[in-house]
Amino acid sequence: MSALQGVIHGKTIELEQEPGLPEGQRVTVEIRPLDEPPAWLERFVVDPLVLVS
């Protein structure tokens, strides 16, 4: 078993390198984020009462 990195695009995961498995091979995937969200996102607040027009 190996750990590969990539980027999620909806239901698709784009890997940084070839996994070395044949096309169509069934696999199990464990998802863990690599990066912490940017600090500004931790204090980003969306107020539904504020409407930009």
PDB file of N, CA and C in Angstrom:
ATOM      1  N   MET A   1       0.860  -1.182   0.000  1.00  0.00           N
ATOM      2  CA  MET A   1       0.000   0.000   0.000  1.00  0.00           C
ATOM      3  C   MET A   1       0.896   1.231   0.000  1.00  0.00           C
ATOM      4  N   SER A   2       0.453   2.282  -0.682  1.00  0.00           N
ATOM      5  CA  SER A   2       1.233   3.515  -0.734  1.00  0.00           C
ATOM      6  C   SER A   2       0.328   4.703  -0.473  1.00  0.00           C
ATOM      7  N   ALA A   3       0.936   5.809  -0.053  1.00  0.00           N
ATOM      8  CA  ALA A   3       0.202   7.050   0.175  1.00  0.00           C
ATOM      9  C   ALA A   3       0.523   8.002  -0.967  1.00  0.00           C
ATOM     10  N   LEU A   4      -0.503   8.455  -1.658  1.00  0.00           N
ATOM     11  CA  LEU A   4      -0.341   9.402  -2.754  1.00  0.00           C
ATOM     12  C   LEU A   4      -1.054  10.688  -2.391  1.00  0.00           C
ATOM     13  N   GLN A   5      -0.608  11.778  -2.969  1.00  0.00           N
ATOM     14  CA  GLN A   5      -1.240  13.070  -2.735  1.00  0.00           C
ATOM     15  C   GLN A   5      -1.925  13.538  -4.002  1.00  0.00           C
ATOM     16  N   GLY A   6      -2.931  14.368  -3.820  1.00  0.00           N
ATOM     17  CA  GLY A   6      -3.647  14.890  -4.965  1.00  0.00           C
ATOM     18  C   GLY A   6      -4.602  15.986  -4.561  1.00  0.00           C
ATOM     19  N   VAL A   7      -5.491  16.325  -5.482  1.00  0.00           N
ATOM     20  CA  VAL A   7      -6.449  17.406  -5.285  1.00  0.00           C
ATOM     21  C   VAL A   7      -7.838  16.871  -5.602  1.00  0.00           C
ATOM     22  N   ILE A   8      -8.806  17.197  -4.749  1.00  0.00           N
ATOM     23  CA  ILE A   8     -10.188  16.776  -4.974  1.00  0.00           C
ATOM     24  C   ILE A   8     -10.900  17.798  -5.847  1.00  0.00           C
ATOM     25  N   HIS A   9     -11.590  17.298  -6.862  1.00  0.00           N
ATOM     26  CA  HIS A   9     -12.439  18.113  -7.746  1.00  0.00           C
ATOM     27  C   HIS A   9     -13.811  17.452  -7.745  1.00  0.00           C
ATOM     28  N   GLY A  10     -14.672  17.829  -6.815  1.00  0.00           N
ATOM     29  CA  GLY A  10     -15.978  17.173  -6.714  1.00  0.00           C
ATOM     30  C   GLY A  10     -15.799  15.726  -6.304  1.00  0.00           C
ATOM     31  N   LYS A  11     -16.248  14.788  -7.144  1.00  0.00           N
ATOM     32  CA  LYS A  11     -16.117  13.363  -6.849  1.00  0.00           C
ATOM     33  C   LYS A  11     -14.840  12.767  -7.449  1.00  0.00           C
ATOM     34  N   THR A  12     -14.006  13.576  -8.071  1.00  0.00           N
ATOM     35  CA  THR A  12     -12.779  13.106  -8.715  1.00  0.00           C
ATOM     36  C   THR A  12     -11.569  13.524  -7.906  1.00  0.00           C
ATOM     37  N   ILE A  13     -10.598  12.625  -7.749  1.00  0.00           N
ATOM     38  CA  ILE A  13      -9.341  12.952  -7.084  1.00  0.00           C
ATOM     39  C   ILE A  13      -8.235  12.896  -8.125  1.00  0.00           C
ATOM     40  N   GLU A  14      -7.569  14.018  -8.341  1.00  0.00           N
ATOM     41  CA  GLU A  14      -6.475  14.109  -9.305  1.00  0.00           C
ATOM     42  C   GLU A  14      -5.164  13.875  -8.554  1.00  0.00           C
ATOM     43  N   LEU A  15      -4.496  12.744  -8.829  1.00  0.00           N
ATOM     44  CA  LEU A  15      -3.258  12.399  -8.139  1.00  0.00           C
ATOM     45  C   LEU A  15      -2.066  13.090  -8.778  1.00  0.00           C
ATOM     46  N   GLU A  16      -1.047  13.365  -7.964  1.00  0.00           N
ATOM     47  CA  GLU A  16       0.163  14.018  -8.449  1.00  0.00           C
ATOM     48  C   GLU A  16       1.045  13.064  -9.247  1.00  0.00           C
ATOM     49  N   GLN A  17       0.847  11.758  -9.073  1.00  0.00           N
ATOM     50  CA  GLN A  17       1.639  10.775  -9.818  1.00  0.00           C
ATOM     51  C   GLN A  17       0.769   9.564 -10.121  1.00  0.00           C
ATOM     52  N   GLU A  18       1.205   8.744 -11.061  1.00  0.00           N
ATOM     53  CA  GLU A  18       0.481   7.530 -11.412  1.00  0.00           C
ATOM     54  C   GLU A  18       0.512   6.555 -10.245  1.00  0.00           C
ATOM     55  N   PRO A  19      -0.608   5.903  -9.933  1.00  0.00           N
ATOM     56  CA  PRO A  19      -0.625   4.970  -8.814  1.00  0.00           C
ATOM     57  C   PRO A  19       0.007   3.615  -9.144  1.00  0.00           C
ATOM     58  N   GLY A  20       0.247   3.346 -10.416  1.00  0.00           N
ATOM     59  CA  GLY A  20       0.853   2.070 -10.787  1.00  0.00           C
ATOM     60  C   GLY A  20      -0.133   0.918 -10.787  1.00  0.00           C
ATOM     61  N   LEU A  21      -1.409   1.213 -10.913  1.00  0.00           N
ATOM     62  CA  LEU A  21      -2.452   0.198 -10.968  1.00  0.00           C
ATOM     63  C   LEU A  21      -3.107   0.231 -12.343  1.00  0.00           C
ATOM     64  N   PRO A  22      -3.643  -0.895 -12.777  1.00  0.00           N
ATOM     65  CA  PRO A  22      -4.304  -0.895 -14.085  1.00  0.00           C
ATOM     66  C   PRO A  22      -5.578  -0.054 -14.068  1.00  0.00           C
ATOM     67  N   GLU A  23      -5.907   0.518 -15.199  1.00  0.00           N
ATOM     68  CA  GLU A  23      -7.122   1.315 -15.358  1.00  0.00           C
ATOM     69  C   GLU A  23      -8.337   0.483 -14.970  1.00  0.00           C
ATOM     70  N   GLY A  24      -9.221   1.046 -14.159  1.00  0.00           N
ATOM     71  CA  GLY A  24     -10.430   0.350 -13.750  1.00  0.00           C
ATOM     72  C   GLY A  24     -10.266  -0.484 -12.492  1.00  0.00           C
ATOM     73  N   GLN A  25      -9.067  -0.539 -11.940  1.00  0.00           N
ATOM     74  CA  GLN A  25      -8.829  -1.299 -10.707  1.00  0.00           C
ATOM     75  C   GLN A  25      -9.634  -0.696  -9.564  1.00  0.00           C
ATOM     76  N   ARG A  26     -10.352  -1.528  -8.833  1.00  0.00           N
ATOM     77  CA  ARG A  26     -11.099  -1.043  -7.673  1.00  0.00           C
ATOM     78  C   ARG A  26     -10.121  -0.843  -6.523  1.00  0.00           C
ATOM     79  N   VAL A  27     -10.291   0.246  -5.763  1.00  0.00           N
ATOM     80  CA  VAL A  27      -9.400   0.578  -4.657  1.00  0.00           C
ATOM     81  C   VAL A  27     -10.214   1.113  -3.482  1.00  0.00           C
ATOM     82  N   THR A  28      -9.582   1.162  -2.333  1.00  0.00           N
ATOM     83  CA  THR A  28     -10.141   1.824  -1.156  1.00  0.00           C
ATOM     84  C   THR A  28      -9.342   3.096  -0.949  1.00  0.00           C
ATOM     85  N   VAL A  29     -10.026   4.190  -0.638  1.00  0.00           N
ATOM     86  CA  VAL A  29      -9.364   5.480  -0.480  1.00  0.00           C
ATOM     87  C   VAL A  29      -9.688   6.044   0.902  1.00  0.00           C
ATOM     88  N   GLU A  30      -8.658   6.484   1.614  1.00  0.00           N
ATOM     89  CA  GLU A  30      -8.843   7.186   2.884  1.00  0.00           C
ATOM     90  C   GLU A  30      -8.493   8.643   2.642  1.00  0.00           C
ATOM     91  N   ILE A  31      -9.399   9.545   2.968  1.00  0.00           N
ATOM     92  CA  ILE A  31      -9.211  10.974   2.700  1.00  0.00           C
ATOM     93  C   ILE A  31      -8.790  11.690   3.978  1.00  0.00           C
ATOM     94  N   ARG A  32      -7.665  12.399   3.907  1.00  0.00           N
ATOM     95  CA  ARG A  32      -7.206  13.254   5.003  1.00  0.00           C
ATOM     96  C   ARG A  32      -6.652  14.534   4.392  1.00  0.00           C
ATOM     97  N   PRO A  33      -7.087  15.700   4.858  1.00  0.00           N
ATOM     98  CA  PRO A  33      -6.559  16.952   4.307  1.00  0.00           C
ATOM     99  C   PRO A  33      -5.078  17.099   4.665  1.00  0.00           C
ATOM    100  N   LEU A  34      -4.303  17.637   3.725  1.00  0.00           N
ATOM    101  CA  LEU A  34      -2.878  17.861   3.953  1.00  0.00           C
ATOM    102  C   LEU A  34      -2.607  19.211   4.576  1.00  0.00           C
ATOM    103  N   ASP A  35      -3.389  20.200   4.208  1.00  0.00           N
ATOM    104  CA  ASP A  35      -3.138  21.572   4.649  1.00  0.00           C
ATOM    105  C   ASP A  35      -4.224  22.032   5.609  1.00  0.00           C
ATOM    106  N   GLU A  36      -3.836  22.854   6.540  1.00  0.00           N
ATOM    107  CA  GLU A  36      -4.816  23.532   7.385  1.00  0.00           C
ATOM    108  C   GLU A  36      -5.432  24.663   6.566  1.00  0.00           C
ATOM    109  N   PRO A  37      -6.702  24.981   6.807  1.00  0.00           N
ATOM    110  CA  PRO A  37      -7.291  26.110   6.080  1.00  0.00           C
ATOM    111  C   PRO A  37      -6.560  27.407   6.426  1.00  0.00           C
ATOM    112  N   PRO A  38      -6.528  28.360   5.518  1.00  0.00           N
ATOM    113  CA  PRO A  38      -5.888  29.640   5.812  1.00  0.00           C
ATOM    114  C   PRO A  38      -6.496  30.278   7.063  1.00  0.00           C
ATOM    115  N   ALA A  39      -5.669  30.980   7.827  1.00  0.00           N
ATOM    116  CA  ALA A  39      -6.117  31.577   9.088  1.00  0.00           C
ATOM    117  C   ALA A  39      -7.317  32.497   8.887  1.00  0.00           C
ATOM    118  N   TRP A  40      -7.376  33.210   7.751  1.00  0.00           N
ATOM    119  CA  TRP A  40      -8.481  34.135   7.562  1.00  0.00           C
ATOM    120  C   TRP A  40      -9.806  33.399   7.428  1.00  0.00           C
ATOM    121  N   LEU A  41      -9.800  32.133   6.985  1.00  0.00           N
ATOM    122  CA  LEU A  41     -11.043  31.380   6.882  1.00  0.00           C
ATOM    123  C   LEU A  41     -11.603  31.015   8.247  1.00  0.00           C
ATOM    124  N   GLU A  42     -10.753  30.912   9.249  1.00  0.00           N
ATOM    125  CA  GLU A  42     -11.215  30.560  10.585  1.00  0.00           C
ATOM    126  C   GLU A  42     -12.078  31.659  11.184  1.00  0.00           C
ATOM    127  N   ARG A  43     -11.861  32.887  10.768  1.00  0.00           N
ATOM    128  CA  ARG A  43     -12.660  33.988  11.314  1.00  0.00           C
ATOM    129  C   ARG A  43     -13.579  34.615  10.262  1.00  0.00           C
ATOM    130  N   PHE A  44     -13.743  33.938   9.140  1.00  0.00           N
ATOM    131  CA  PHE A  44     -14.626  34.396   8.068  1.00  0.00           C
ATOM    132  C   PHE A  44     -16.066  34.114   8.467  1.00  0.00           C
ATOM    133  N   VAL A  45     -16.887  35.159   8.514  1.00  0.00           N
ATOM    134  CA  VAL A  45     -18.276  35.023   8.939  1.00  0.00           C
ATOM    135  C   VAL A  45     -19.183  35.465   7.801  1.00  0.00           C
ATOM    136  N   VAL A  46     -20.179  34.658   7.522  1.00  0.00           N
ATOM    137  CA  VAL A  46     -21.179  35.028   6.539  1.00  0.00           C
ATOM    138  C   VAL A  46     -22.443  35.389   7.283  1.00  0.00           C
ATOM    139  N   ASP A  47     -22.869  36.635   7.147  1.00  0.00           N
ATOM    140  CA  ASP A  47     -24.061  37.111   7.817  1.00  0.00           C
ATOM    141  C   ASP A  47     -25.195  37.145   6.801  1.00  0.00           C
ATOM    142  N   PRO A  48     -26.189  36.244   6.945  1.00  0.00           N
ATOM    143  CA  PRO A  48     -27.274  36.205   5.969  1.00  0.00           C
ATOM    144  C   PRO A  48     -28.130  37.462   5.958  1.00  0.00           C
ATOM    145  N   LEU A  49     -27.999  38.294   6.982  1.00  0.00           N
ATOM    146  CA  LEU A  49     -28.779  39.534   7.025  1.00  0.00           C
ATOM    147  C   LEU A  49     -28.158  40.637   6.189  1.00  0.00           C
ATOM    148  N   VAL A  50     -26.901  40.443   5.778  1.00  0.00           N
ATOM    149  CA  VAL A  50     -26.221  41.435   4.948  1.00  0.00           C
ATOM    150  C   VAL A  50     -26.373  41.012   3.492  1.00  0.00           C
ATOM    151  N   LEU A  51     -26.920  41.904   2.690  1.00  0.00           N
ATOM    152  CA  LEU A  51     -27.155  41.606   1.281  1.00  0.00           C
ATOM    153  C   LEU A  51     -26.415  42.633   0.444  1.00  0.00           C
ATOM    154  N   VAL A  52     -25.543  42.159  -0.431  1.00  0.00           N
ATOM    155  CA  VAL A  52     -24.822  43.047  -1.335  1.00  0.00           C
ATOM    156  C   VAL A  52     -25.670  43.211  -2.582  1.00  0.00           C
ATOM    157  N   SER A  53     -25.908  44.457  -2.966  1.00  0.00           N
ATOM    158  CA  SER A  53     -26.726  44.682  -4.150  1.00  0.00           C
ATOM    159  C   SER A  53     -25.991  45.476  -5.187  1.00  0.00           C
TER     160      SER A  53
END
